[in-house]
């Protein structure tokens, strides 16, 4: 015969196991150490500055008209 279990405790155990799996996935996805997060932020800001420096100014009405 099978083992006698408390259904309420089994539901809680399964819920905890599911939450632990979700937490593990979130730690892998979002869990950067502060030093790595700061480094990533600096890299993003540097890339944005470089991109802004290479942006063309195409507002029209420039001095290159052929009149």
C-alpha atoms as a PDB file:
ATOM      1  CA  UNK A   1       0.000   0.000   0.000  1.00  0.00           C
ATOM      2  CA  UNK A   2       1.112   3.556  -0.601  1.00  0.00           C
ATOM      3  CA  UNK A   3       2.546   5.979   1.906  1.00  0.00           C
ATOM      4  CA  UNK A   4       0.125   8.098   3.903  1.00  0.00           C
ATOM      5  CA  UNK A   5       0.724  11.822   3.334  1.00  0.00           C
ATOM      6  CA  UNK A   6      -0.837  15.027   4.502  1.00  0.00           C
ATOM      7  CA  UNK A   7      -2.318  16.670   1.383  1.00  0.00           C
ATOM      8  CA  UNK A   8      -1.970  20.200   2.745  1.00  0.00           C
ATOM      9  CA  UNK A   9       1.726  19.686   3.441  1.00  0.00           C
ATOM     10  CA  UNK A  10       2.235  18.098   0.016  1.00  0.00           C
ATOM     11  CA  UNK A  11       0.589  21.095  -1.718  1.00  0.00           C
ATOM     12  CA  UNK A  12       2.846  23.468   0.211  1.00  0.00           C
ATOM     13  CA  UNK A  13       5.934  21.391  -0.616  1.00  0.00           C
ATOM     14  CA  UNK A  14       5.097  21.438  -4.330  1.00  0.00           C
ATOM     15  CA  UNK A  15       4.408  25.192  -4.258  1.00  0.00           C
ATOM     16  CA  UNK A  16       7.770  25.815  -2.544  1.00  0.00           C
ATOM     17  CA  UNK A  17       9.572  23.687  -5.117  1.00  0.00           C
ATOM     18  CA  UNK A  18       7.918  25.605  -7.975  1.00  0.00           C
ATOM     19  CA  UNK A  19       8.780  28.957  -6.389  1.00  0.00           C
ATOM     20  CA  UNK A  20      12.371  27.819  -5.889  1.00  0.00           C
ATOM     21  CA  UNK A  21      12.603  26.963  -9.595  1.00  0.00           C
ATOM     22  CA  UNK A  22      11.208  30.348 -10.586  1.00  0.00           C
ATOM     23  CA  UNK A  23      13.573  32.104  -8.167  1.00  0.00           C
ATOM     24  CA  UNK A  24      16.531  30.239  -9.605  1.00  0.00           C
ATOM     25  CA  UNK A  25      15.615  31.296 -13.139  1.00  0.00           C
ATOM     26  CA  UNK A  26      15.176  34.918 -12.031  1.00  0.00           C
ATOM     27  CA  UNK A  27      18.540  34.924 -10.254  1.00  0.00           C
ATOM     28  CA  UNK A  28      20.200  33.728 -13.431  1.00  0.00           C
ATOM     29  CA  UNK A  29      18.328  36.283 -15.523  1.00  0.00           C
ATOM     30  CA  UNK A  30      18.502  39.384 -13.323  1.00  0.00           C
ATOM     31  CA  UNK A  31      21.113  38.622 -10.680  1.00  0.00           C
ATOM     32  CA  UNK A  32      24.190  40.591 -11.673  1.00  0.00           C
ATOM     33  CA  UNK A  33      26.621  41.591  -8.944  1.00  0.00           C
ATOM     34  CA  UNK A  34      26.801  45.342  -8.365  1.00  0.00           C
ATOM     35  CA  UNK A  35      30.277  45.613  -9.866  1.00  0.00           C
ATOM     36  CA  UNK A  36      29.179  43.897 -13.086  1.00  0.00           C
ATOM     37  CA  UNK A  37      25.995  45.984 -13.181  1.00  0.00           C
ATOM     38  CA  UNK A  38      28.016  49.223 -12.849  1.00  0.00           C
ATOM     39  CA  UNK A  39      30.435  48.036 -15.535  1.00  0.00           C
ATOM     40  CA  UNK A  40      27.541  47.227 -17.874  1.00  0.00           C
ATOM     41  CA  UNK A  41      25.973  50.651 -17.189  1.00  0.00           C
ATOM     42  CA  UNK A  42      29.260  52.458 -17.948  1.00  0.00           C
ATOM     43  CA  UNK A  43      29.643  50.488 -21.183  1.00  0.00           C
ATOM     44  CA  UNK A  44      26.092  51.418 -22.249  1.00  0.00           C
ATOM     45  CA  UNK A  45      26.675  55.106 -21.469  1.00  0.00           C
ATOM     46  CA  UNK A  46      29.972  55.077 -23.375  1.00  0.00           C
ATOM     47  CA  UNK A  47      28.289  53.490 -26.400  1.00  0.00           C
ATOM     48  CA  UNK A  48      25.518  56.111 -26.271  1.00  0.00           C
ATOM     49  CA  UNK A  49      28.106  58.944 -26.158  1.00  0.00           C
ATOM     50  CA  UNK A  50      29.991  57.437 -29.098  1.00  0.00           C
ATOM     51  CA  UNK A  51      26.789  57.122 -31.079  1.00  0.00           C
ATOM     52  CA  UNK A  52      25.779  60.726 -30.323  1.00  0.00           C
ATOM     53  CA  UNK A  53      29.207  61.898 -31.461  1.00  0.00           C
ATOM     54  CA  UNK A  54      28.727  60.195 -34.819  1.00  0.00           C
ATOM     55  CA  UNK A  55      25.205  61.459 -35.396  1.00  0.00           C
ATOM     56  CA  UNK A  56      24.659  63.538 -38.515  1.00  0.00           C
ATOM     57  CA  UNK A  57      22.849  66.864 -38.346  1.00  0.00           C
ATOM     58  CA  UNK A  58      20.204  66.628 -41.096  1.00  0.00           C
ATOM     59  CA  UNK A  59      17.871  69.461 -40.236  1.00  0.00           C
ATOM     60  CA  UNK A  60      17.696  70.828 -43.766  1.00  0.00           C
ATOM     61  CA  UNK A  61      18.236  74.409 -44.885  1.00  0.00           C
ATOM     62  CA  UNK A  62      21.974  74.001 -44.822  1.00  0.00           C
ATOM     63  CA  UNK A  63      24.522  76.016 -46.814  1.00  0.00           C
ATOM     64  CA  UNK A  64      24.879  73.265 -49.426  1.00  0.00           C
ATOM     65  CA  UNK A  65      21.943  74.498 -51.555  1.00  0.00           C
ATOM     66  CA  UNK A  66      22.509  74.718 -55.352  1.00  0.00           C
ATOM     67  CA  UNK A  67      20.994  78.195 -55.967  1.00  0.00           C
END
